[in-house]
C-alpha atoms as a PDB file:
ATOM      1  CA  MET A   1      35.456 -10.638 -11.818  1.00  0.00           C
ATOM      2  CA  LYS A   2      37.005 -12.946  -9.264  1.00  0.00           C
ATOM      3  CA  LYS A   3      34.984 -15.752  -7.737  1.00  0.00           C
ATOM      4  CA  ILE A   4      34.638 -13.864  -4.446  1.00  0.00           C
ATOM      5  CA  ASP A   5      33.200 -10.861  -6.277  1.00  0.00           C
ATOM      6  CA  ILE A   6      30.713 -13.002  -8.199  1.00  0.00           C
ATOM      7  CA  ALA A   7      29.696 -14.630  -4.929  1.00  0.00           C
ATOM      8  CA  THR A   8      29.243 -11.209  -3.337  1.00  0.00           C
ATOM      9  CA  LEU A   9      27.143 -10.020  -6.274  1.00  0.00           C
ATOM     10  CA  LEU A  10      24.874 -13.060  -6.054  1.00  0.00           C
ATOM     11  CA  ALA A  11      24.612 -12.755  -2.271  1.00  0.00           C
ATOM     12  CA  LEU A  12      23.630  -9.099  -2.550  1.00  0.00           C
ATOM     13  CA  ALA A  13      20.963  -9.829  -5.166  1.00  0.00           C
ATOM     14  CA  GLY A  14      19.693 -12.682  -3.019  1.00  0.00           C
ATOM     15  CA  LEU A  15      19.455 -10.464   0.065  1.00  0.00           C
ATOM     16  CA  TRP A  16      17.592  -7.703  -1.717  1.00  0.00           C
ATOM     17  CA  GLY A  17      15.311 -10.237  -3.362  1.00  0.00           C
ATOM     18  CA  ALA A  18      14.573 -11.709   0.070  1.00  0.00           C
ATOM     19  CA  SER A  19      13.391  -8.343   1.405  1.00  0.00           C
ATOM     20  CA  TYR A  20      10.077  -8.798  -0.419  1.00  0.00           C
ATOM     21  CA  LEU A  21       9.671 -12.249   1.084  1.00  0.00           C
ATOM     22  CA  PHE A  22      10.290 -10.905   4.592  1.00  0.00           C
ATOM     23  CA  MET A  23       7.881  -8.002   4.088  1.00  0.00           C
ATOM     24  CA  ARG A  24       5.214 -10.370   2.812  1.00  0.00           C
ATOM     25  CA  ILE A  25       5.617 -12.489   5.963  1.00  0.00           C
ATOM     26  CA  SER A  26       5.684  -9.651   8.508  1.00  0.00           C
ATOM     27  CA  ALA A  27       3.768  -6.642   7.135  1.00  0.00           C
ATOM     28  CA  GLY A  28       0.338  -8.025   7.976  1.00  0.00           C
ATOM     29  CA  GLU A  29       1.218  -8.510  11.646  1.00  0.00           C
ATOM     30  CA  PHE A  30       3.340  -5.421  12.308  1.00  0.00           C
ATOM     31  CA  GLY A  31       1.560  -2.999  10.010  1.00  0.00           C
ATOM     32  CA  ALA A  32       3.351  -1.060   7.278  1.00  0.00           C
ATOM     33  CA  LEU A  33       4.504   1.925   9.353  1.00  0.00           C
ATOM     34  CA  THR A  34       5.675  -0.076  12.355  1.00  0.00           C
ATOM     35  CA  LEU A  35       7.521  -2.579  10.181  1.00  0.00           C
ATOM     36  CA  ALA A  36       9.251   0.170   8.196  1.00  0.00           C
ATOM     37  CA  GLY A  37      10.241   2.083  11.324  1.00  0.00           C
ATOM     38  CA  ALA A  38      11.596  -1.002  13.072  1.00  0.00           C
ATOM     39  CA  ARG A  39      13.507  -2.018   9.940  1.00  0.00           C
ATOM     40  CA  ALA A  40      15.242   1.357   9.686  1.00  0.00           C
ATOM     41  CA  ALA A  41      15.968   1.510  13.419  1.00  0.00           C
ATOM     42  CA  GLY A  42      17.469  -1.963  13.414  1.00  0.00           C
ATOM     43  CA  ALA A  43      19.643  -1.241  10.391  1.00  0.00           C
ATOM     44  CA  ALA A  44      20.856   2.069  11.872  1.00  0.00           C
ATOM     45  CA  THR A  45      21.768   0.326  15.131  1.00  0.00           C
ATOM     46  CA  LEU A  46      23.916  -2.169  13.241  1.00  0.00           C
ATOM     47  CA  LEU A  47      25.527   0.368  10.895  1.00  0.00           C
ATOM     48  CA  LEU A  48      26.458   2.991  13.494  1.00  0.00           C
ATOM     49  CA  PRO A  49      29.336   0.997  15.062  1.00  0.00           C
ATOM     50  CA  LEU A  50      30.799   0.407  11.593  1.00  0.00           C
ATOM     51  CA  LEU A  51      30.648   4.123  10.831  1.00  0.00           C
ATOM     52  CA  ALA A  52      32.091   5.074  14.209  1.00  0.00           C
ATOM     53  CA  ALA A  53      35.035   2.732  13.640  1.00  0.00           C
ATOM     54  CA  ARG A  54      36.107   4.640  10.541  1.00  0.00           C
ATOM     55  CA  ARG A  55      38.934   7.065  11.205  1.00  0.00           C
ATOM     56  CA  GLU A  56      38.059   9.269   8.264  1.00  0.00           C
ATOM     57  CA  GLY A  57      34.720  10.094   6.721  1.00  0.00           C
ATOM     58  CA  GLY A  58      32.749   8.709   9.640  1.00  0.00           C
ATOM     59  CA  VAL A  59      30.315  10.335  12.016  1.00  0.00           C
ATOM     60  CA  MET A  60      31.601  13.850  11.328  1.00  0.00           C
ATOM     61  CA  ALA A  61      30.875  13.502   7.620  1.00  0.00           C
ATOM     62  CA  MET A  62      27.352  12.389   8.422  1.00  0.00           C
ATOM     63  CA  ARG A  63      26.847  15.413  10.681  1.00  0.00           C
ATOM     64  CA  ARG A  64      28.232  17.901   8.153  1.00  0.00           C
ATOM     65  CA  HIS A  65      25.850  16.748   5.447  1.00  0.00           C
ATOM     66  CA  TRP A  66      22.803  15.960   7.537  1.00  0.00           C
ATOM     67  CA  ARG A  67      20.335  17.976   5.453  1.00  0.00           C
ATOM     68  CA  PRO A  68      20.725  16.121   2.132  1.00  0.00           C
ATOM     69  CA  ILE A  69      21.155  12.853   4.025  1.00  0.00           C
ATOM     70  CA  LEU A  70      17.827  13.525   5.752  1.00  0.00           C
ATOM     71  CA  LEU A  71      16.094  13.949   2.398  1.00  0.00           C
ATOM     72  CA  VAL A  72      17.681  10.753   1.101  1.00  0.00           C
ATOM     73  CA  GLY A  73      16.578   8.984   4.267  1.00  0.00           C
ATOM     74  CA  ILE A  74      12.991  10.003   3.584  1.00  0.00           C
ATOM     75  CA  SER A  75      12.951   9.374  -0.169  1.00  0.00           C
ATOM     76  CA  ASN A  76      15.178   6.299  -0.340  1.00  0.00           C
ATOM     77  CA  SER A  77      14.237   4.532   2.896  1.00  0.00           C
ATOM     78  CA  ALA A  78      11.312   5.801   4.979  1.00  0.00           C
ATOM     79  CA  LEU A  79       8.680   6.238   2.262  1.00  0.00           C
ATOM     80  CA  PRO A  80       9.697   3.274   0.057  1.00  0.00           C
ATOM     81  CA  PHE A  81       9.893   0.980   3.097  1.00  0.00           C
ATOM     82  CA  VAL A  82       6.344   1.970   4.032  1.00  0.00           C
ATOM     83  CA  LEU A  83       5.028   1.724   0.470  1.00  0.00           C
ATOM     84  CA  PHE A  84       6.475  -1.721  -0.185  1.00  0.00           C
ATOM     85  CA  ALA A  85       5.196  -2.904   3.205  1.00  0.00           C
ATOM     86  CA  VAL A  86       1.728  -1.654   2.230  1.00  0.00           C
ATOM     87  CA  ALA A  87       1.989  -3.517  -1.079  1.00  0.00           C
ATOM     88  CA  ALA A  88       3.148  -6.689   0.676  1.00  0.00           C
ATOM     89  CA  GLN A  89      -0.226  -6.959   2.383  1.00  0.00           C
ATOM     90  CA  SER A  90      -2.048  -7.299  -0.950  1.00  0.00           C
ATOM     91  CA  ILE A  91       0.282  -8.662  -3.625  1.00  0.00           C
ATOM     92  CA  ASN A  92       2.867 -11.413  -3.489  1.00  0.00           C
ATOM     93  CA  ALA A  93       6.583 -10.973  -2.971  1.00  0.00           C
ATOM     94  CA  SER A  94       7.441 -11.918  -6.544  1.00  0.00           C
ATOM     95  CA  LEU A  95       5.362  -9.112  -8.048  1.00  0.00           C
ATOM     96  CA  SER A  96       6.860  -6.492  -5.728  1.00  0.00           C
ATOM     97  CA  ALA A  97      10.362  -7.560  -6.747  1.00  0.00           C
ATOM     98  CA  ILE A  98       9.464  -7.382 -10.432  1.00  0.00           C
ATOM     99  CA  PHE A  99       7.975  -3.901 -10.092  1.00  0.00           C
ATOM    100  CA  ASN A 100      11.156  -2.712  -8.394  1.00  0.00           C
ATOM    101  CA  ALA A 101      13.170  -3.787 -11.434  1.00  0.00           C
ATOM    102  CA  ALA A 102      11.748  -0.758 -13.270  1.00  0.00           C
ATOM    103  CA  THR A 103      13.613   1.721 -11.036  1.00  0.00           C
ATOM    104  CA  PRO A 104      16.252   2.531 -13.710  1.00  0.00           C
ATOM    105  CA  LEU A 105      13.450   3.360 -16.162  1.00  0.00           C
ATOM    106  CA  TYR A 106      12.108   6.053 -13.861  1.00  0.00           C
ATOM    107  CA  ALA A 107      15.682   7.225 -13.243  1.00  0.00           C
ATOM    108  CA  ALA A 108      16.088   7.792 -16.987  1.00  0.00           C
ATOM    109  CA  ILE A 109      12.885   9.847 -17.163  1.00  0.00           C
ATOM    110  CA  ILE A 110      13.818  11.930 -14.103  1.00  0.00           C
ATOM    111  CA  GLY A 111      17.269  12.473 -15.585  1.00  0.00           C
ATOM    112  CA  LEU A 112      15.644  13.843 -18.734  1.00  0.00           C
ATOM    113  CA  LEU A 113      13.126  16.095 -16.987  1.00  0.00           C
ATOM    114  CA  TRP A 114      15.303  17.313 -14.104  1.00  0.00           C
ATOM    115  CA  LEU A 115      18.887  17.209 -15.376  1.00  0.00           C
ATOM    116  CA  GLY A 116      18.312  17.455 -19.117  1.00  0.00           C
ATOM    117  CA  GLU A 117      20.082  14.154 -19.830  1.00  0.00           C
ATOM    118  CA  GLY A 118      19.583  13.138 -23.438  1.00  0.00           C
ATOM    119  CA  ILE A 119      17.742   9.978 -24.457  1.00  0.00           C
ATOM    120  CA  GLY A 120      18.790   8.510 -27.783  1.00  0.00           C
ATOM    121  CA  ARG A 121      16.823   6.110 -29.944  1.00  0.00           C
ATOM    122  CA  LYS A 122      18.149   3.010 -28.215  1.00  0.00           C
ATOM    123  CA  ARG A 123      17.307   4.305 -24.747  1.00  0.00           C
ATOM    124  CA  ALA A 124      13.911   5.563 -25.931  1.00  0.00           C
ATOM    125  CA  ALA A 125      13.116   2.112 -27.303  1.00  0.00           C
ATOM    126  CA  GLY A 126      14.189   0.611 -23.991  1.00  0.00           C
ATOM    127  CA  LEU A 127      11.945   2.981 -22.062  1.00  0.00           C
ATOM    128  CA  ALA A 128       8.992   2.133 -24.301  1.00  0.00           C
ATOM    129  CA  LEU A 129       9.524  -1.600 -23.816  1.00  0.00           C
ATOM    130  CA  GLY A 130      10.071  -1.279 -20.079  1.00  0.00           C
ATOM    131  CA  PHE A 131       7.030   0.845 -19.432  1.00  0.00           C
ATOM    132  CA  ALA A 132       4.936  -1.442 -21.639  1.00  0.00           C
ATOM    133  CA  GLY A 133       5.998  -4.281 -19.357  1.00  0.00           C
ATOM    134  CA  VAL A 134       5.095  -2.276 -16.241  1.00  0.00           C
ATOM    135  CA  ALA A 135       1.683  -1.376 -17.689  1.00  0.00           C
ATOM    136  CA  TRP A 136       1.033  -4.987 -18.700  1.00  0.00           C
ATOM    137  CA  LEU A 137       2.047  -6.262 -15.285  1.00  0.00           C
ATOM    138  CA  ALA A 138      -0.068  -3.655 -13.489  1.00  0.00           C
ATOM    139  CA  TRP A 139      -3.079  -4.382 -15.709  1.00  0.00           C
ATOM    140  CA  ASP A 140      -2.872  -8.100 -15.122  1.00  0.00           C
ATOM    141  CA  SER A 141      -1.909  -8.221 -11.424  1.00  0.00           C
ATOM    142  CA  ALA A 142      -4.183  -5.419 -10.237  1.00  0.00           C
ATOM    143  CA  GLY A 143      -7.231  -6.888 -11.909  1.00  0.00           C
ATOM    144  CA  LEU A 144      -7.916  -3.818 -14.016  1.00  0.00           C
ATOM    145  CA  LYS A 145      -9.788  -5.792 -16.625  1.00  0.00           C
ATOM    146  CA  GLU A 146     -13.526  -5.344 -16.746  1.00  0.00           C
ATOM    147  CA  GLY A 147     -15.378  -7.122 -13.994  1.00  0.00           C
ATOM    148  CA  SER A 148     -12.322  -8.195 -11.996  1.00  0.00           C
ATOM    149  CA  GLY A 149     -12.402  -5.360  -9.390  1.00  0.00           C
ATOM    150  CA  ALA A 150      -9.435  -5.592  -7.040  1.00  0.00           C
ATOM    151  CA  ALA A 151      -9.134  -2.184  -5.375  1.00  0.00           C
ATOM    152  CA  ALA A 152      -6.703  -3.268  -2.682  1.00  0.00           C
ATOM    153  CA  THR A 153      -4.383  -4.843  -5.222  1.00  0.00           C
ATOM    154  CA  GLY A 154      -4.630  -1.739  -7.395  1.00  0.00           C
ATOM    155  CA  TRP A 155      -3.448   0.414  -4.485  1.00  0.00           C
ATOM    156  CA  ALA A 156      -0.633  -2.067  -3.861  1.00  0.00           C
ATOM    157  CA  VAL A 157       0.556  -1.718  -7.455  1.00  0.00           C
ATOM    158  CA  LEU A 158       0.430   2.077  -7.114  1.00  0.00           C
ATOM    159  CA  ALA A 159       2.468   1.824  -3.912  1.00  0.00           C
ATOM    160  CA  CYS A 160       5.160  -0.244  -5.693  1.00  0.00           C
ATOM    161  CA  VAL A 161       5.357   2.188  -8.601  1.00  0.00           C
ATOM    162  CA  SER A 162       5.536   5.176  -6.225  1.00  0.00           C
ATOM    163  CA  ALA A 163       8.349   3.527  -4.250  1.00  0.00           C
ATOM    164  CA  THR A 164      10.401   2.875  -7.377  1.00  0.00           C
ATOM    165  CA  VAL A 165       9.942   6.482  -8.530  1.00  0.00           C
ATOM    166  CA  LEU A 166      11.261   7.623  -5.145  1.00  0.00           C
ATOM    167  CA  TYR A 167      14.259   5.302  -5.491  1.00  0.00           C
ATOM    168  CA  ALA A 168      14.984   6.781  -8.922  1.00  0.00           C
ATOM    169  CA  PHE A 169      14.770  10.339  -7.585  1.00  0.00           C
ATOM    170  CA  SER A 170      17.086   9.450  -4.706  1.00  0.00           C
ATOM    171  CA  ALA A 171      19.686   8.039  -7.076  1.00  0.00           C
ATOM    172  CA  HIS A 172      19.914  11.338  -8.960  1.00  0.00           C
ATOM    173  CA  TYR A 173      19.732  13.471  -5.830  1.00  0.00           C
ATOM    174  CA  SER A 174      22.474  11.451  -4.123  1.00  0.00           C
ATOM    175  CA  LYS A 175      24.705  11.682  -7.172  1.00  0.00           C
ATOM    176  CA  ARG A 176      24.234  15.446  -7.373  1.00  0.00           C
ATOM    177  CA  TYR A 177      24.516  16.399  -3.700  1.00  0.00           C
ATOM    178  CA  LEU A 178      26.195  13.494  -1.879  1.00  0.00           C
ATOM    179  CA  ALA A 179      28.682  12.041  -4.359  1.00  0.00           C
ATOM    180  CA  HIS A 180      31.585  13.436  -2.311  1.00  0.00           C
ATOM    181  CA  VAL A 181      30.308  12.013   0.992  1.00  0.00           C
ATOM    182  CA  PRO A 182      31.548   8.566   2.127  1.00  0.00           C
ATOM    183  CA  PRO A 183      28.877   6.008   1.147  1.00  0.00           C
ATOM    184  CA  LEU A 184      28.760   4.414   4.603  1.00  0.00           C
ATOM    185  CA  ALA A 185      28.019   7.830   6.130  1.00  0.00           C
ATOM    186  CA  VAL A 186      25.120   8.272   3.698  1.00  0.00           C
ATOM    187  CA  ALA A 187      23.839   4.753   4.347  1.00  0.00           C
ATOM    188  CA  THR A 188      23.984   5.073   8.134  1.00  0.00           C
ATOM    189  CA  GLY A 189      22.642   8.613   8.205  1.00  0.00           C
ATOM    190  CA  SER A 190      19.767   7.797   5.881  1.00  0.00           C
ATOM    191  CA  GLN A 191      18.709   4.881   8.084  1.00  0.00           C
ATOM    192  CA  LEU A 192      18.914   7.077  11.194  1.00  0.00           C
ATOM    193  CA  ALA A 193      16.841   9.738   9.463  1.00  0.00           C
ATOM    194  CA  SER A 194      14.314   7.161   8.317  1.00  0.00           C
ATOM    195  CA  ALA A 195      14.015   5.731  11.827  1.00  0.00           C
ATOM    196  CA  ALA A 196      13.545   9.208  13.309  1.00  0.00           C
ATOM    197  CA  VAL A 197      10.877  10.206  10.792  1.00  0.00           C
ATOM    198  CA  LEU A 198       8.929   6.982  11.310  1.00  0.00           C
ATOM    199  CA  ALA A 199       9.400   6.672  15.087  1.00  0.00           C
ATOM    200  CA  VAL A 200       6.195   8.367  16.270  1.00  0.00           C
ATOM    201  CA  PRO A 201       3.749   6.823  13.748  1.00  0.00           C
ATOM    202  CA  ALA A 202       5.460   3.435  14.156  1.00  0.00           C
ATOM    203  CA  LEU A 203       4.915   3.524  17.925  1.00  0.00           C
ATOM    204  CA  VAL A 204       1.397   4.945  17.746  1.00  0.00           C
ATOM    205  CA  LEU A 205       0.291   2.332  15.216  1.00  0.00           C
ATOM    206  CA  ALA A 206       2.154  -0.570  16.796  1.00  0.00           C
ATOM    207  CA  PRO A 207       0.030  -3.755  16.790  1.00  0.00           C
ATOM    208  CA  ALA A 208      -1.999  -4.436  19.908  1.00  0.00           C
ATOM    209  CA  ARG A 209      -1.283  -8.151  19.592  1.00  0.00           C
ATOM    210  CA  LEU A 210       2.302  -9.371  19.796  1.00  0.00           C
ATOM    211  CA  PRO A 211       3.446 -10.540  16.336  1.00  0.00           C
ATOM    212  CA  SER A 212       4.341 -14.179  15.816  1.00  0.00           C
ATOM    213  CA  VAL A 213       7.866 -15.597  15.908  1.00  0.00           C
ATOM    214  CA  PRO A 214       8.056 -15.865  12.074  1.00  0.00           C
ATOM    215  CA  ALA A 215       7.119 -12.187  11.803  1.00  0.00           C
ATOM    216  CA  TRP A 216       9.871 -11.195  14.257  1.00  0.00           C
ATOM    217  CA  LEU A 217      12.396 -13.330  12.402  1.00  0.00           C
ATOM    218  CA  ALA A 218      11.350 -11.683   9.133  1.00  0.00           C
ATOM    219  CA  LEU A 219      11.855  -8.247  10.703  1.00  0.00           C
ATOM    220  CA  LEU A 220      15.320  -9.320  11.862  1.00  0.00           C
ATOM    221  CA  GLY A 221      16.110 -10.486   8.351  1.00  0.00           C
ATOM    222  CA  LEU A 222      14.942  -7.180   6.899  1.00  0.00           C
ATOM    223  CA  SER A 223      17.020  -5.067   9.276  1.00  0.00           C
ATOM    224  CA  ALA A 224      20.181  -7.111   9.664  1.00  0.00           C
ATOM    225  CA  ALA A 225      20.482  -8.923   6.337  1.00  0.00           C
ATOM    226  CA  CYS A 226      18.506  -7.031   3.685  1.00  0.00           C
ATOM    227  CA  THR A 227      19.461  -3.549   4.882  1.00  0.00           C
ATOM    228  CA  ALA A 228      22.584  -3.373   7.087  1.00  0.00           C
ATOM    229  CA  LEU A 229      24.550  -6.301   5.633  1.00  0.00           C
ATOM    230  CA  ALA A 230      23.359  -5.549   2.105  1.00  0.00           C
ATOM    231  CA  TYR A 231      24.688  -1.983   2.305  1.00  0.00           C
ATOM    232  CA  VAL A 232      28.087  -3.239   3.450  1.00  0.00           C
ATOM    233  CA  LEU A 233      28.244  -5.756   0.588  1.00  0.00           C
ATOM    234  CA  PHE A 234      27.050  -3.143  -1.906  1.00  0.00           C
ATOM    235  CA  PHE A 235      29.772  -0.644  -1.044  1.00  0.00           C
ATOM    236  CA  ARG A 236      32.405  -3.377  -0.862  1.00  0.00           C
ATOM    237  CA  LEU A 237      31.446  -4.588  -4.331  1.00  0.00           C
ATOM    238  CA  ILE A 238      31.636  -1.079  -5.807  1.00  0.00           C
ATOM    239  CA  ALA A 239      35.092  -0.622  -4.268  1.00  0.00           C
ATOM    240  CA  ARG A 240      36.359  -3.935  -5.698  1.00  0.00           C
ATOM    241  CA  VAL A 241      34.805  -4.109  -9.172  1.00  0.00           C
ATOM    242  CA  GLY A 242      33.379  -0.648  -9.833  1.00  0.00           C
ATOM    243  CA  ALA A 243      29.882   0.737 -10.226  1.00  0.00           C
ATOM    244  CA  ALA A 244      29.432  -0.500 -13.795  1.00  0.00           C
ATOM    245  CA  ARG A 245      29.711  -4.178 -12.917  1.00  0.00           C
ATOM    246  CA  THR A 246      27.788  -3.713  -9.695  1.00  0.00           C
ATOM    247  CA  MET A 247      24.835  -2.581 -11.818  1.00  0.00           C
ATOM    248  CA  ALA A 248      24.237  -6.255 -12.619  1.00  0.00           C
ATOM    249  CA  VAL A 249      22.659  -6.598  -9.168  1.00  0.00           C
ATOM    250  CA  PRO A 250      19.284  -4.920  -9.910  1.00  0.00           C
ATOM    251  CA  PHE A 251      18.799  -7.268 -12.860  1.00  0.00           C
ATOM    252  CA  LEU A 252      19.188 -10.301 -10.605  1.00  0.00           C
ATOM    253  CA  VAL A 253      16.926  -9.111  -7.776  1.00  0.00           C
ATOM    254  CA  PRO A 254      13.614 -10.030  -9.515  1.00  0.00           C
ATOM    255  CA  ALA A 255      14.907 -13.537 -10.201  1.00  0.00           C
ATOM    256  CA  PHE A 256      15.705 -14.033  -6.532  1.00  0.00           C
ATOM    257  CA  GLY A 257      12.428 -12.407  -5.500  1.00  0.00           C
ATOM    258  CA  VAL A 258      10.520 -14.903  -7.623  1.00  0.00           C
ATOM    259  CA  LEU A 259      12.699 -17.772  -6.374  1.00  0.00           C
ATOM    260  CA  TRP A 260      12.168 -16.981  -2.676  1.00  0.00           C
ATOM    261  CA  GLY A 261       8.443 -16.403  -3.185  1.00  0.00           C
ATOM    262  CA  ALA A 262       8.022 -19.721  -4.965  1.00  0.00           C
ATOM    263  CA  SER A 263      10.222 -21.617  -2.488  1.00  0.00           C
ATOM    264  CA  PHE A 264       8.840 -20.339   0.810  1.00  0.00           C
ATOM    265  CA  LEU A 265       5.373 -18.955   0.033  1.00  0.00           C
ATOM    266  CA  ASP A 266       4.324 -21.274  -2.789  1.00  0.00           C
ATOM    267  CA  GLU A 267       3.780 -18.294  -5.084  1.00  0.00           C
ATOM    268  CA  VAL A 268       3.092 -19.137  -8.703  1.00  0.00           C
ATOM    269  CA  LEU A 269       3.475 -16.722 -11.615  1.00  0.00           C
ATOM    270  CA  ASP A 270       1.779 -17.351 -14.939  1.00  0.00           C
ATOM    271  CA  GLY A 271       3.253 -16.863 -18.382  1.00  0.00           C
ATOM    272  CA  LYS A 272       1.811 -13.356 -18.777  1.00  0.00           C
ATOM    273  CA  VAL A 273       3.516 -12.074 -15.638  1.00  0.00           C
ATOM    274  CA  LEU A 274       6.833 -13.650 -16.609  1.00  0.00           C
ATOM    275  CA  SER A 275       6.541 -12.155 -20.098  1.00  0.00           C
ATOM    276  CA  ALA A 276       5.896  -8.725 -18.611  1.00  0.00           C
ATOM    277  CA  CYS A 277       8.927  -9.215 -16.395  1.00  0.00           C
ATOM    278  CA  GLY A 278      11.005 -10.036 -19.460  1.00  0.00           C
ATOM    279  CA  LEU A 279       9.881  -6.808 -21.155  1.00  0.00           C
ATOM    280  CA  ILE A 280      10.807  -4.781 -18.091  1.00  0.00           C
ATOM    281  CA  MET A 281      14.253  -6.350 -17.858  1.00  0.00           C
ATOM    282  CA  LEU A 282      14.962  -5.960 -21.580  1.00  0.00           C
ATOM    283  CA  GLY A 283      13.737  -2.378 -21.587  1.00  0.00           C
ATOM    284  CA  THR A 284      15.805  -1.552 -18.512  1.00  0.00           C
ATOM    285  CA  ALA A 285      18.923  -3.073 -20.060  1.00  0.00           C
ATOM    286  CA  LEU A 286      18.492  -0.911 -23.171  1.00  0.00           C
ATOM    287  CA  ALA A 287      17.532   2.246 -21.265  1.00  0.00           C
ATOM    288  CA  THR A 288      20.521   2.064 -18.930  1.00  0.00           C
ATOM    289  CA  GLY A 289      23.019   0.975 -21.579  1.00  0.00           C
ATOM    290  CA  VAL A 290      24.282  -1.909 -19.467  1.00  0.00           C
ATOM    291  CA  ALA A 291      26.365  -3.238 -22.334  1.00  0.00           C
ATOM    292  CA  GLY A 292      27.558   0.239 -23.277  1.00  0.00           C
ATOM    293  CA  SER A 293      28.679   3.374 -21.524  1.00  0.00           C
ATOM    294  CA  ARG A 294      30.156   2.994 -18.083  1.00  0.00           C
ATOM    295  CA  SER A 295      29.371   6.599 -17.251  1.00  0.00           C
ATOM    296  CA  ARG A 296      25.657   5.931 -17.443  1.00  0.00           C
ATOM    297  CA  ASP A 297      26.089   2.947 -15.167  1.00  0.00           C
ATOM    298  CA  ARG A 298      27.840   5.106 -12.613  1.00  0.00           C
ATOM    299  CA  ALA A 299      25.077   7.661 -12.856  1.00  0.00           C
ATOM    300  CA  HIS A 300      22.534   5.087 -11.742  1.00  0.00           C
ATOM    301  CA  ALA A 301      24.678   2.946  -9.470  1.00  0.00           C
ATOM    302  CA  GLN A 302      23.157   4.265  -6.277  1.00  0.00           C
ATOM    303  CA  ALA A 303      19.751   3.103  -7.481  1.00  0.00           C
ATOM    304  CA  GLY A 304      20.936  -0.378  -6.577  1.00  0.00           C
ATOM    305  CA  ALA A 305      20.673   0.415  -2.893  1.00  0.00           C
ATOM    306  CA  SER A 306      16.928   0.563  -3.066  1.00  0.00           C
ATOM    307  CA  VAL A 307      15.190  -2.150  -1.267  1.00  0.00           C
END
């Protein structure tokens, strides 16, 4: 890859890693539903002019395929945005980013159960390692050991896992029903759909007290940088270097999530958590065949747009 492409890849991973930092800062003041709704609305507002400027495959494409785009908006944006915002109120940004790294593992399982995609020995070993890492991380971070009792954190872990399962489903659904639709139309339409679905609960549950300036800045970062700008960079990178190489992004997101959490929130992860993270990353690499077939990479490429 050229230097500009490597820089774009790192910038994209950094932006998606920062989303967990911004949610950690703002979720407590806005509330999960209001934060998620405002994030989607802000991103849609920024993406719409870009879509409208396209001569081909723009707004009309979004209108023609509004039904599957609506479902993607719910499963890949609205619900995961809410779930990760819920988790951000109980667990740190680093842990949320690490849990999200398991998305390709769930994609492999859904591919087997829904589409009948085969899983060879190497991928099966990767799945076993990855899920062992997820279980270890959940056990340790949620305080599931005897006498530790951390119900709120346990629900936060469940929210993270549920969000990643939704991302994995959306990757397969998008590939099956929206592969022929321009990616920017899917991105913009899904954010519009997400904003519409969340509008009423976001307004009803809006905080009575005006959030602080840092919370507003975090919301701006989520909408403008981690969602709108990140989508543009994601599609640009796929166009320049292909889906296979772009799949390196999800493997870098946890590293940036941990880096931002440690730098700005003084989060500290112990050796057990980092070891669990290593298992997840190794298992994901084996399960997705990162060093092997490009076709499998393309099958899961859309899972990258999942933060």
